[in-house]
Amino acid sequence: PLYNIDSIRPEYYEYNKRQKEANSILEELAELPGVTLVRPEQRLFDESGKGLIMANGELLYRDDDHLSTSGALYVAPLFDAVFKQMAKNHRSIQSLSVLK
């Protein structure tokens, strides 16, 4: 191959080191009522701790920090449970306001 793609794949430990401060803030916010923390890195690193660059033949990033549209779609399933819960809560609130 012309280029060794492994040379640009981030390591999970590097990611954690770089995100330490941001993750600390997010974890603190996740303790608040109604806040759910979604960790997209669950899908962005393989079992060996190497970052994924591509999935299903598509690039996951548009630059070194931002997901491409394909990357966003790749991690989107992680948000399903959160959105289902939000919809359920919204329906409950609507039901209560109808009863008033």
Protein backbone atom coordinates (compact mmCIF):
# COMPACT_ATOMS: atom_id res chain seq x y z
CA PRO A 1 0.00 0.00 0.00
CA LEU A 2 1.01 3.58 -0.57
CA TYR A 3 0.22 4.63 2.97
CA ASN A 4 0.02 2.75 6.25
CA ILE A 5 -3.36 3.81 7.65
CA ASP A 6 -2.43 2.37 11.06
CA SER A 7 0.03 5.23 11.48
CA ILE A 8 -2.82 7.74 11.74
CA ARG A 9 -5.19 5.66 13.88
CA PRO A 10 -5.37 7.16 17.38
CA GLU A 11 -4.86 5.00 20.44
CA TYR A 12 -7.64 4.86 23.03
CA TYR A 13 -5.24 5.92 25.80
CA GLU A 14 -4.23 8.99 23.74
CA TYR A 15 -7.87 9.86 23.22
CA ASN A 16 -8.58 9.58 26.97
CA LYS A 17 -5.56 11.70 27.80
CA ARG A 18 -6.62 14.41 25.36
CA GLN A 19 -10.27 14.30 26.47
CA LYS A 20 -9.58 14.05 30.21
CA GLU A 21 -10.74 17.54 31.15
CA ALA A 22 -13.77 17.50 28.85
CA ASN A 23 -14.78 14.03 30.04
CA SER A 24 -14.47 15.13 33.65
CA ILE A 25 -16.91 17.98 33.03
CA LEU A 26 -19.29 15.74 31.09
CA GLU A 27 -19.24 13.10 33.83
CA GLU A 28 -20.06 15.75 36.41
CA LEU A 29 -22.94 17.03 34.28
CA ALA A 30 -24.21 13.47 33.82
CA GLU A 31 -24.96 13.38 37.55
CA LEU A 32 -27.65 16.03 37.09
CA PRO A 33 -31.27 14.91 36.79
CA GLY A 34 -32.37 14.42 33.19
CA VAL A 35 -28.83 14.34 31.78
CA THR A 36 -27.60 11.25 29.99
CA LEU A 37 -23.99 10.89 28.91
CA VAL A 38 -23.49 9.17 25.56
CA ARG A 39 -19.98 7.91 24.88
CA PRO A 40 -19.47 7.64 21.10
CA GLU A 41 -15.93 6.36 21.58
CA GLN A 42 -17.56 2.99 22.31
CA ARG A 43 -18.00 2.61 18.56
CA LEU A 44 -14.94 4.54 17.42
CA PHE A 45 -12.25 2.25 18.85
CA ASP A 46 -11.73 -1.43 18.16
CA GLU A 47 -11.09 -4.12 20.77
CA SER A 48 -7.33 -3.50 20.58
CA GLY A 49 -7.79 0.18 21.48
CA LYS A 50 -7.06 1.53 18.00
CA GLY A 51 -9.30 4.22 16.57
CA LEU A 52 -11.40 3.40 13.56
CA ILE A 53 -10.82 5.57 10.51
CA MET A 54 -13.32 3.87 8.22
CA ALA A 55 -16.41 1.69 8.60
CA ASN A 56 -18.50 0.08 5.88
CA GLY A 57 -16.14 1.59 3.29
CA GLU A 58 -16.80 5.16 4.46
CA LEU A 59 -14.50 7.66 6.19
CA LEU A 60 -15.65 8.37 9.74
CA TYR A 61 -13.93 11.75 10.09
CA ARG A 62 -13.87 14.92 8.01
CA ASP A 63 -10.72 16.14 9.78
CA ASP A 64 -8.66 15.07 12.78
CA ASP A 65 -11.38 15.89 15.33
CA HIS A 66 -14.77 15.99 13.65
CA LEU A 67 -16.99 13.18 12.45
CA SER A 68 -18.07 13.08 8.84
CA THR A 69 -21.74 12.52 8.02
CA SER A 70 -20.91 8.81 7.70
CA GLY A 71 -19.19 8.91 11.09
CA ALA A 72 -22.21 10.56 12.71
CA LEU A 73 -24.48 7.92 11.21
CA TYR A 74 -22.09 5.23 12.46
CA VAL A 75 -22.36 6.37 16.10
CA ALA A 76 -26.05 7.33 15.85
CA PRO A 77 -27.35 3.99 17.24
CA LEU A 78 -25.76 4.90 20.59
CA PHE A 79 -28.30 7.71 20.87
CA ASP A 80 -31.38 5.55 20.16
CA ALA A 81 -32.10 4.66 23.79
CA VAL A 82 -31.69 8.29 24.87
CA PHE A 83 -34.10 9.56 22.23
CA LYS A 84 -36.62 6.80 23.00
CA GLN A 85 -36.55 7.80 26.67
CA MET A 86 -36.94 11.47 25.76
CA ALA A 87 -39.95 10.64 23.58
CA LYS A 88 -41.46 8.55 26.37
CA ASN A 89 -40.95 11.38 28.87
CA HIS A 90 -42.43 13.89 26.41
CA ARG A 91 -45.54 11.72 25.94
CA SER A 92 -45.90 11.46 29.73
CA ILE A 93 -45.68 15.23 30.11
CA GLN A 94 -48.21 15.72 27.31
CA SER A 95 -50.58 13.26 29.01
CA LEU A 96 -50.32 15.16 32.27
CA SER A 97 -51.01 18.50 30.62
CA VAL A 98 -54.10 17.06 28.89
CA LEU A 99 -55.43 15.93 32.26
CA LYS A 100 -55.23 19.44 33.71
